[in-house]
Protein backbone atom coordinates (compact mmCIF):
# COMPACT_ATOMS: atom_id res chain seq x y z
CA MET A 1 86.28 -43.34 85.84
CA SER A 2 89.46 -43.93 87.32
CA PHE A 3 89.82 -40.71 88.54
CA LEU A 4 86.33 -41.15 90.45
CA THR A 5 87.82 -43.80 92.59
CA HIS A 6 90.99 -42.21 93.14
CA GLU A 7 88.73 -39.07 94.65
CA GLY A 8 87.08 -41.63 97.25
CA TYR A 9 84.15 -42.57 95.05
CA SER A 10 82.56 -46.17 94.26
CA CYS A 11 81.84 -46.85 90.35
CA ASP A 12 80.65 -49.47 88.06
CA GLU A 13 80.92 -49.14 84.19
CA ALA A 14 77.90 -50.70 81.57
CA SER A 15 78.67 -50.36 77.81
CA ASN A 16 75.48 -49.55 76.31
CA GLY A 17 72.12 -48.11 77.98
CA LYS A 18 70.33 -51.38 78.31
CA GLU A 19 73.28 -52.95 80.28
CA ALA A 20 72.90 -49.38 81.92
CA LEU A 21 68.93 -49.84 82.90
CA GLU A 22 69.85 -53.52 84.01
CA LYS A 23 72.30 -52.75 86.42
CA ILE A 24 70.33 -49.47 88.03
CA LYS A 25 67.69 -51.90 88.53
CA ALA A 26 69.44 -54.89 90.45
CA LYS A 27 71.84 -51.95 92.58
CA LYS A 28 71.19 -49.05 94.36
CA PHE A 29 73.34 -46.26 92.27
CA ASP A 30 72.99 -42.37 93.57
CA LEU A 31 74.21 -40.83 90.14
CA ILE A 32 74.65 -41.92 86.62
CA ILE A 33 76.96 -40.56 84.04
CA SER A 34 76.57 -41.38 80.74
CA ASP A 35 76.93 -40.69 77.29
CA PHE A 36 74.68 -39.15 75.43
CA GLN A 37 75.23 -41.42 71.93
CA MET A 38 75.88 -45.55 73.03
CA PRO A 39 75.01 -48.62 71.34
CA ASP A 40 71.85 -50.42 72.47
CA GLY A 41 69.55 -47.37 74.43
CA ASP A 42 71.27 -43.75 74.07
CA GLY A 43 72.04 -41.09 77.19
CA PRO A 44 67.96 -39.44 76.39
CA TRP A 45 66.57 -43.01 76.32
CA LEU A 46 68.49 -43.65 79.80
CA ALA A 47 67.24 -40.95 81.10
CA SER A 48 63.65 -40.89 80.25
CA GLU A 49 63.33 -44.42 81.18
CA LEU A 50 65.23 -43.93 84.23
CA SER A 51 62.27 -40.89 84.91
CA GLN A 52 59.84 -43.68 84.42
CA LEU A 53 61.31 -45.59 87.23
CA LYS A 54 60.72 -42.99 89.82
CA LEU A 55 64.23 -43.62 91.01
CA SER A 56 66.19 -41.09 93.89
CA LEU A 57 69.14 -40.93 91.63
CA LYS A 58 70.93 -38.09 89.78
CA PHE A 59 71.89 -37.91 86.01
CA ILE A 60 74.80 -36.05 84.20
CA LEU A 61 74.90 -36.41 80.82
CA VAL A 62 77.82 -35.79 78.25
CA SER A 63 78.78 -35.10 74.66
CA SER A 64 80.66 -33.28 72.22
CA ASP A 65 78.00 -33.27 69.42
CA ALA A 66 75.04 -32.96 71.14
CA VAL A 67 74.84 -29.85 72.76
CA SER A 68 71.53 -28.33 71.85
CA GLU A 69 69.09 -32.01 72.81
CA GLY A 70 71.56 -32.15 76.05
CA GLN A 71 70.69 -29.00 77.45
CA SER A 72 67.02 -29.78 76.22
CA LEU A 73 67.03 -32.96 78.63
CA TYR A 74 68.50 -30.69 81.54
CA LYS A 75 65.63 -28.33 80.73
CA ALA A 76 62.92 -30.62 80.72
CA GLY A 77 64.26 -31.91 83.84
CA LEU A 78 65.78 -35.23 82.95
CA VAL A 79 69.17 -35.09 83.73
CA ASP A 80 70.65 -32.80 86.42
CA PHE A 81 73.34 -31.38 84.67
CA PHE A 82 74.36 -31.58 80.94
CA LEU A 83 78.53 -30.95 80.33
CA SER A 84 80.49 -30.79 76.66
CA LYS A 85 83.42 -32.70 75.61
CA PRO A 86 86.20 -32.21 76.53
CA LEU A 87 85.16 -32.86 79.58
CA ASP A 88 86.28 -31.11 82.16
CA PHE A 89 87.50 -32.98 85.10
CA LYS A 90 87.42 -30.69 87.75
CA LEU A 91 84.02 -29.15 86.49
CA LEU A 92 82.71 -32.85 87.09
CA LEU A 93 83.84 -32.89 90.07
CA THR A 94 82.14 -29.78 91.32
CA LYS A 95 79.10 -30.83 89.67
CA ILE A 96 79.53 -34.37 91.70
CA ARG A 97 80.01 -32.67 94.60
CA SER A 98 77.06 -29.73 94.38
CA LEU A 99 74.63 -32.79 93.72
CA ASN A 100 75.17 -34.23 97.46
CA HIS A 101 74.53 -31.44 99.02
């Protein structure tokens, strides 16, 4: 996500869902951008865990092949946006900026 750093955002990365959850519990984040498919806790699992923690952060889920599942999570209110891959970086930036207002 170096393009986000280039845009002035501070970013952190996790290699799987469980690592992401531990980082989120240890540090304050405003936004999570997660792939749908990850080892050790996928995107839907992470969204569900975060919902239970009642944290006030935004969640963008991305996937190349789980479009209907991603849209279902969006409709259920577990994620703020669902974006399909290949990722359109201009669209991603637009969505991020819209979440800040």
